Amino acid sequence: MSNFFKNKVVIITGASSGIGLATARLLYQNGAKCVLAARRKGLLEKIAKELNGSLPIETDVTKKDSLENLVKETLKVFGRIDILINNAGILIYKPIEQCSEEELREVMEVNYFGAVGCVNAILPIMKKQGSGAIANVASIAGKLGFPSLGYYAASKFALVGYSQALRQEIKQYGIFVSAIYPGTVYTPMTEEIIEGAKKKGKNVLPISAEKVAEKILVAIEKKKSEVFVPRATHFLYFLHFFFPKFTEWLAWKFRASDPNDFKA
């Protein structure tokens, strides 16, 4: 990695674990000034000790006043915001008919509206600076729907469409938007699902959060509009254009769970 990130002020949401934590660590190693945003204050403070000089800010991305505080505290300490990594998210994993309306609203509030709220909060700062980068961590489930991920996919599809439109609208201000599409990633959020699938003999091959973090940094530095990780997810997306029924059959056959797994 080059010196691109040296002294860059980077806000990472969902920084207390998984992809967010891995990305914060990698940015720190590359000389960035990290702003760690998440709801779990205790974990953030512990991570900030590890990443000496980082700024931990307890943040709820669904609350406007919390996001305003995130921006205010960041500017107070560092004076600018160079990069936003929209990573905060939650996972709803069960068949659509077994999900409640409350669960749908919650996943949309965090995964989609939370990301939009973060952009709205930092955009005036970046426009004033005349530069900036935004990386929205979506999912391959934001490109293709998968069984038991209907509500999660809906939130990520929304984020993908938003990212594509936003990229075109704000490039005139010197701000670039990247969208990241990870496949199955081994994180605290997915651990139970992945381990459960393995016990049932399912062939699950997750990638590490560190691998995704590497791709996020590459996307920002190289100004890549979209990044699929691993490459196999890009192939699957490409295949879907020509053989949609086949890819849906694959998704169903190699799903991590069966509908009956969710019955009481």
Protein backbone atom coordinates (compact mmCIF):
# COMPACT_ATOMS: atom_id res chain seq x y z
CA MET A 1 0.00 0.00 0.00
CA SER A 2 1.23 3.51 -0.85
CA ASN A 3 1.23 6.60 1.37
CA PHE A 4 -2.22 7.55 0.08
CA PHE A 5 -3.88 7.15 3.48
CA LYS A 6 -1.16 8.81 5.55
CA ASN A 7 -2.73 11.52 7.77
CA LYS A 8 -6.12 11.10 6.08
CA VAL A 9 -9.03 11.54 8.51
CA VAL A 10 -11.30 8.53 8.09
CA ILE A 11 -14.65 7.88 9.77
CA ILE A 12 -15.48 4.17 9.99
CA THR A 13 -18.98 3.23 11.14
CA GLY A 14 -19.53 -0.19 12.65
CA ALA A 15 -15.91 -0.02 13.78
CA SER A 16 -16.28 -2.17 16.90
CA SER A 17 -16.06 -5.55 15.14
CA GLY A 18 -15.93 -7.45 11.86
CA ILE A 19 -15.21 -5.58 8.64
CA GLY A 20 -15.22 -2.19 10.37
CA LEU A 21 -12.59 -3.19 12.91
CA ALA A 22 -10.41 -4.89 10.28
CA THR A 23 -10.62 -1.78 8.11
CA ALA A 24 -9.74 0.53 11.00
CA ARG A 25 -6.68 -1.59 11.82
CA LEU A 26 -5.49 -1.57 8.22
CA LEU A 27 -6.01 2.17 7.89
CA TYR A 28 -4.09 2.72 11.12
CA GLN A 29 -1.22 0.63 9.77
CA ASN A 30 -1.21 2.89 6.71
CA GLY A 31 -0.96 6.09 8.74
CA ALA A 32 -4.59 7.23 8.70
CA LYS A 33 -6.25 9.13 11.52
CA CYS A 34 -9.16 6.86 12.40
CA VAL A 35 -12.49 7.95 13.84
CA LEU A 36 -14.14 4.85 15.31
CA ALA A 37 -17.93 5.05 15.29
CA ALA A 38 -20.23 2.41 16.76
CA ARG A 39 -22.85 1.93 19.46
CA ARG A 40 -20.68 -0.16 21.79
CA LYS A 41 -18.72 2.47 23.71
CA GLY A 42 -16.70 0.05 25.81
CA LEU A 43 -15.42 -1.86 22.79
CA LEU A 44 -14.58 1.37 20.97
CA GLU A 45 -12.50 2.63 23.86
CA LYS A 46 -10.63 -0.67 24.02
CA ILE A 47 -9.91 -0.54 20.28
CA ALA A 48 -8.80 3.10 20.54
CA LYS A 49 -6.12 2.02 23.02
CA GLU A 50 -4.89 -0.53 20.50
CA LEU A 51 -4.98 2.02 17.68
CA ASN A 52 -3.24 4.79 19.57
CA GLY A 53 -4.36 8.24 18.47
CA SER A 54 -7.69 7.06 17.08
CA LEU A 55 -10.85 8.85 18.14
CA PRO A 56 -13.68 6.66 19.54
CA ILE A 57 -17.16 8.20 19.29
CA GLU A 58 -20.25 6.36 20.48
CA THR A 59 -22.62 6.65 17.52
CA ASP A 60 -26.06 5.44 16.52
CA VAL A 61 -26.34 5.88 12.74
CA THR A 62 -30.14 5.90 12.95
CA LYS A 63 -30.15 9.07 15.10
CA LYS A 64 -29.59 12.45 13.44
CA ASP A 65 -28.29 14.10 16.62
CA SER A 66 -25.79 11.25 17.08
CA LEU A 67 -24.45 11.77 13.55
CA GLU A 68 -24.23 15.53 14.09
CA ASN A 69 -22.17 14.84 17.20
CA LEU A 70 -19.93 12.46 15.22
CA VAL A 71 -19.13 15.20 12.72
CA LYS A 72 -18.72 17.88 15.38
CA GLU A 73 -16.30 15.84 17.50
CA THR A 74 -14.31 14.76 14.44
CA LEU A 75 -13.87 18.35 13.27
CA LYS A 76 -13.01 19.48 16.79
CA VAL A 77 -10.11 17.02 16.99
CA PHE A 78 -8.91 16.72 13.38
CA GLY A 79 -10.38 19.73 11.56
CA ARG A 80 -11.46 17.85 8.44
CA ILE A 81 -13.05 14.65 7.10
CA ASP A 82 -11.35 13.01 4.14
CA ILE A 83 -13.04 9.62 3.94
CA LEU A 84 -16.29 8.04 5.15
CA ILE A 85 -16.59 4.27 5.28
CA ASN A 86 -20.26 3.39 5.68
CA ASN A 87 -20.03 -0.06 7.22
CA ALA A 88 -22.55 -0.17 10.09
CA GLY A 89 -25.11 -2.88 9.49
CA ILE A 90 -27.27 -5.62 10.91
CA LEU A 91 -28.30 -8.99 9.52
CA ILE A 92 -31.79 -10.50 9.39
CA TYR A 93 -31.42 -14.15 8.41
CA LYS A 94 -34.65 -16.09 8.01
CA PRO A 95 -37.37 -16.63 5.40
CA ILE A 96 -39.36 -13.54 4.43
CA GLU A 97 -42.70 -14.97 5.60
CA GLN A 98 -41.24 -15.46 9.08
CA CYS A 99 -39.95 -11.88 9.35
CA SER A 100 -41.94 -9.14 11.03
CA GLU A 101 -42.57 -5.64 9.76
CA GLU A 102 -40.54 -4.37 12.72
CA GLU A 103 -37.54 -6.40 11.55
CA LEU A 104 -37.85 -4.99 8.04
CA ARG A 105 -37.98 -1.44 9.36
CA GLU A 106 -35.00 -2.06 11.65
CA VAL A 107 -32.75 -3.48 8.92
CA MET A 108 -33.69 -0.63 6.57
CA GLU A 109 -33.09 1.98 9.27
CA VAL A 110 -29.56 0.76 9.97
CA ASN A 111 -28.33 -0.61 6.64
CA TYR A 112 -29.88 1.96 4.32
CA PHE A 113 -31.17 5.05 6.11
CA GLY A 114 -28.19 4.94 8.49
CA ALA A 115 -25.77 5.09 5.57
CA VAL A 116 -27.74 7.90 3.94
CA GLY A 117 -27.75 9.80 7.23
CA CYS A 118 -23.97 9.51 7.49
CA VAL A 119 -23.53 10.88 3.98
CA ASN A 120 -25.92 13.75 4.67
CA ALA A 121 -23.93 14.63 7.79
CA ILE A 122 -20.49 14.72 6.17
CA LEU A 123 -21.32 15.87 2.64
CA PRO A 124 -21.34 19.63 3.40
CA ILE A 125 -17.85 19.27 4.92
CA MET A 126 -16.44 17.42 1.92
CA LYS A 127 -18.04 19.85 -0.54
CA LYS A 128 -16.46 22.76 1.31
CA GLN A 129 -13.08 21.00 1.21
CA GLY A 130 -13.49 20.25 -2.49
CA SER A 131 -12.50 16.63 -1.99
CA GLY A 132 -13.45 13.41 -0.28
CA ALA A 133 -14.19 9.72 -0.66
CA ILE A 134 -17.15 7.63 0.44
CA ALA A 135 -17.10 3.83 0.53
CA ASN A 136 -20.46 2.16 1.06
CA VAL A 137 -20.10 -1.44 2.21
CA ALA A 138 -23.03 -3.21 0.59
CA SER A 139 -23.04 -6.94 -0.22
CA ILE A 140 -23.35 -9.37 -3.09
CA ALA A 141 -26.86 -9.66 -1.62
CA GLY A 142 -27.31 -6.08 -2.87
CA LYS A 143 -26.87 -7.40 -6.41
CA LEU A 144 -28.53 -10.82 -6.13
CA GLY A 145 -31.27 -12.03 -3.81
CA PHE A 146 -30.60 -15.14 -1.72
CA PRO A 147 -32.89 -17.43 0.32
CA SER A 148 -33.42 -16.30 3.94
CA LEU A 149 -31.78 -12.96 3.17
CA GLY A 150 -34.77 -11.19 1.65
CA TYR A 151 -35.00 -8.27 4.05
CA TYR A 152 -31.22 -7.90 4.29
CA ALA A 153 -30.98 -7.96 0.48
CA ALA A 154 -33.70 -5.31 0.21
CA SER A 155 -31.66 -2.94 2.38
CA LYS A 156 -28.48 -3.60 0.40
CA PHE A 157 -30.20 -3.26 -2.99
CA ALA A 158 -31.37 0.15 -1.82
CA LEU A 159 -27.83 1.08 -0.79
CA VAL A 160 -26.43 -0.02 -4.16
CA GLY A 161 -28.91 2.07 -6.14
CA TYR A 162 -28.30 5.04 -3.87
CA SER A 163 -24.52 4.69 -4.27
CA GLN A 164 -24.76 4.63 -8.06
CA ALA A 165 -26.86 7.80 -8.16
CA LEU A 166 -24.81 9.58 -5.50
CA ARG A 167 -21.57 8.87 -7.38
CA GLN A 168 -22.85 10.69 -10.46
CA GLU A 169 -24.27 13.61 -8.51
CA ILE A 170 -21.30 14.54 -6.33
CA LYS A 171 -18.28 13.77 -8.52
CA GLN A 172 -18.45 17.42 -9.65
CA TYR A 173 -17.38 18.40 -6.12
CA GLY A 174 -14.28 16.21 -6.15
CA ILE A 175 -15.95 13.49 -4.06
CA PHE A 176 -15.83 9.87 -5.23
CA VAL A 177 -18.20 7.09 -4.18
CA SER A 178 -17.29 3.40 -4.14
CA ALA A 179 -19.59 0.47 -3.44
CA ILE A 180 -18.17 -2.76 -2.00
CA TYR A 181 -19.87 -6.12 -2.53
CA PRO A 182 -18.52 -8.79 -0.16
CA GLY A 183 -19.69 -12.36 -0.34
CA THR A 184 -19.94 -14.48 2.82
CA VAL A 185 -17.61 -12.94 5.40
CA TYR A 186 -16.64 -14.58 8.69
CA THR A 187 -17.56 -11.99 11.35
CA PRO A 188 -19.26 -12.08 14.76
CA MET A 189 -22.50 -11.26 12.91
CA THR A 190 -22.30 -14.31 10.64
CA GLU A 191 -20.37 -16.78 12.80
CA GLU A 192 -23.40 -18.67 14.12
CA ILE A 193 -24.89 -19.05 10.63
CA ILE A 194 -21.63 -20.23 9.09
CA GLU A 195 -20.80 -22.71 11.85
CA GLY A 196 -24.37 -24.03 11.82
CA ALA A 197 -24.16 -24.58 8.07
CA LYS A 198 -20.86 -26.44 8.40
CA LYS A 199 -22.36 -28.78 11.00
CA LYS A 200 -25.10 -29.63 8.49
CA GLY A 201 -22.48 -30.50 5.89
CA LYS A 202 -22.98 -27.37 3.82
CA ASN A 203 -20.03 -26.24 1.73
CA VAL A 204 -19.53 -22.71 3.09
CA LEU A 205 -16.31 -20.91 2.18
CA PRO A 206 -16.30 -17.54 3.93
CA ILE A 207 -13.64 -14.91 3.39
CA SER A 208 -11.99 -12.95 6.17
CA ALA A 209 -12.90 -9.43 7.24
CA GLU A 210 -9.25 -8.53 6.62
CA LYS A 211 -9.59 -9.46 2.96
CA VAL A 212 -12.59 -7.17 2.60
CA ALA A 213 -10.71 -4.38 4.36
CA GLU A 214 -7.90 -4.66 1.81
CA LYS A 215 -10.39 -4.30 -1.04
CA ILE A 216 -12.05 -1.30 0.59
CA LEU A 217 -8.74 0.54 0.72
CA VAL A 218 -7.96 -0.39 -2.88
CA ALA A 219 -11.38 0.86 -4.00
CA ILE A 220 -10.83 4.22 -2.30
CA GLU A 221 -7.26 4.74 -3.48
CA LYS A 222 -7.88 3.59 -7.06
CA LYS A 223 -11.31 5.27 -7.28
CA LYS A 224 -13.10 2.07 -8.20
CA SER A 225 -16.86 2.44 -8.59
CA GLU A 226 -17.60 -1.16 -7.60
CA VAL A 227 -15.55 -3.92 -6.01
CA PHE A 228 -16.65 -7.55 -5.68
CA VAL A 229 -14.87 -9.68 -3.11
CA PRO A 230 -14.01 -12.47 -3.65
CA ARG A 231 -13.86 -12.52 -7.47
CA ALA A 232 -16.19 -15.51 -7.56
CA THR A 233 -19.06 -13.23 -6.52
CA HIS A 234 -18.45 -11.09 -9.61
CA PHE A 235 -18.59 -14.21 -11.77
CA LEU A 236 -21.86 -15.24 -10.12
CA TYR A 237 -23.33 -11.79 -10.78
CA PHE A 238 -22.17 -11.92 -14.41
CA LEU A 239 -23.61 -15.43 -14.80
CA HIS A 240 -26.97 -14.23 -13.50
CA PHE A 241 -27.39 -11.92 -16.50
CA PHE A 242 -27.32 -14.83 -18.92
CA PHE A 243 -28.65 -17.70 -16.82
CA PRO A 244 -30.88 -16.24 -14.07
CA LYS A 245 -32.78 -19.48 -13.44
CA PHE A 246 -29.54 -21.41 -13.12
CA THR A 247 -28.01 -18.98 -10.64
CA GLU A 248 -31.19 -19.01 -8.57
CA TRP A 249 -31.06 -22.80 -8.57
CA LEU A 250 -27.44 -22.61 -7.39
CA ALA A 251 -28.37 -20.17 -4.64
CA TRP A 252 -31.15 -22.47 -3.44
CA LYS A 253 -29.12 -25.68 -3.66
CA PHE A 254 -26.13 -24.27 -1.78
CA ARG A 255 -28.09 -22.18 0.73
CA ALA A 256 -26.71 -22.20 4.25
CA SER A 257 -30.00 -23.36 5.77
CA ASP A 258 -33.42 -24.82 5.02
CA PRO A 259 -36.74 -23.11 5.78
CA ASN A 260 -37.51 -25.86 8.28
CA ASP A 261 -34.44 -24.84 10.29
CA PHE A 262 -36.32 -21.74 11.42
CA LYS A 263 -39.45 -23.48 12.67
CA ALA A 264 -39.90 -23.67 16.42
